Amino acid sequence: MKSKLGLASILFIGATLLLKVSGLIRDMVIAYYFGDSYVADAYLAAFIIPNMLILFMTNGMKNALVPTYIQSLENNRGKTYLGQVFKGTLVLAFILSIIGMALAPFLIPLLYPEFSPEATQIATWVTIIFFSCIAFVGMNSVLEAFFDAENKFSLSIVSQIIVILSSILAAFLFANQIGAYSLAIGYLAGTILSLIFKLFLVVPRKVMDVKQKIEWPEVKQFYWIFLPVGLTVAVGQVNLMVGAIFASGQGEGAVTYINYAKNLVHMPQAIFGVTIATIIFPMLSKAITKDDTPQFKKGIEKGLTTMYLVLLPSVIGMMLLMPNLIELLYERGAFNNEATQATTNVAYLYFGSVIFFSLNNVINKGFYTMNKGHLILFISIGSILINVLFNFLFASWLGYLGIPLAASLMALFYTGACLIIFVRLVGGIDFKYLAVDYGKITFAVIIMSGAVIGIQQLIGGLPNLVQIIIVAMVGAVVFAGASFVMKINAFLFLLNNIRKRGKKSEA
């Protein structure tokens, strides 16, 4: 049983990595065909609005349906309950799809008044196409949550990869003929293919009853559970939209630089956060089940130090290699050297955003474990107001470079607010333990940075890919060695978990 769970975890992490790589390849394709032109700006800005609703449905559904569906199984109502949620979601998603398509011609000029007429037209039609996907996204989100309830996490991720690959293929086939519309149409085709893939797996098993009449009171009850979680996710997308709105007034290419830089810098958070959550979350759940507050606090402290241990050297390493990375990934086709330089400068200022939001992921785990997720929603709403203020101030001062700076400072305030409230809820945590480990980790990263900068002086003439590989290897070895010598608690904790998993797999 343990070996099966271990295999499932490996498949999940591998599929997550593949999903992030697929998203990176999509960005590379957009950069190749459209560079930093108004076409790329229009497409990326348009995607933010429907994507807010897409993430609202997919992430909210997973957090709300998994526990309620499992409970319905215990009451022998699994098939009926899943069918009710599926049909109810289809109706609601279809209505939202129609409303979004109808409002798109008014929303785009309102949100992006600085766009040229050509960019406005592209953004409007791209938004309409994306909103036409919402009905299929709704059905997909229910089935993905069903797979998660069965611990088949990798299936959900595979279905998302289908959507991304469909967008990429459509761009290769039709970008020269219909431009950015090819990506949006490919996304629509991908959502349909993803739904067919899921139905092919689900229908033969007869785990869902769709023949009965919709019981709206039951659907309504489900969505009362769904809304707070979904809205919390939507708030994050609102903050992204705030940045895009301010970027749209900073000239052609600004939206593109911000999108590529943000996606690249936040990749370590998306990849490593999954592994860290896998290690930490069981500790939190067991502590809450046993009403063991000291152990719960210890789990949060381990999570915060482990996240910092993994993310700080990763992000600093990326910063030192940022020009090489962006040139290697994006500088081809319509994406020129000037665009590379601009994207690099933006990426540097996202440093605080990835660090603080990564640490906050651990704190949020604590809130959700304690069933206090509604507090995160209130803090998130406040973060929108702070984000608007910071974007206004810094974009006026620094242009589009002020937007990632605003995001980093907003992340600092948001994480600080969450930490203060969480500490009050649990009656304090061991800040001395955190400070000592954070200090050691920071010093180890300084040692690593010195070694990396030194080796960069020696290999500057080599191809980008070779430089990246050499620097990554040297940086990893130096940081691991420094962490071991300084006996960093988070490093020893992580090393111990790896050894335990190795012994279990051998057994």
Foldseek 3Di string as FASTA:
>chain_A
DVLVVVVLLVLLLVLLLVLLVLVLVLLQLCCQLPNLFLLSLLLLLLCLVLVLVLLLQQQLLLVQVLVVLVVCVVVVCNQVLLLLLLVVLLVVQQVQLVVQLVCLLVVQCVLQVLRDPVSSVSSSVLNNLSSNLRSLSSNLSSLQSVCVSVSNNSLNSVLSSQLSVQLSVQCVVPCVPPNPVSSSVSNSVSSVVSSVVSCVVPVVVSRHDNPDDRDVVSNVVSVVSSNLRSLLSSLVSLLVSLLSSLQSNQDGRLSSLLVSLVSVLLVQLSNVLSVLCVVLLVQLLVCVVVVPLVSNLVSLLLSLLLLCLRNVLVNVLCLVLQLLVLCVRHDHRNHHPVSSVSSNLLNVLLSLLNSLVSSLVSLCSNCVSVVNSSVLSVLSVVLSVQLNVQSVVQCVPPNSSSNSNSNNVSSVVSSVVSVVVSCVVSVHHPVVLNVVLSVQSVVLSVQLVVQLVVVCVVCVVPRSVVNSVVSVVSSVVSSLVSCVVVVRVSSVVVVVVVVVVVVVVVD
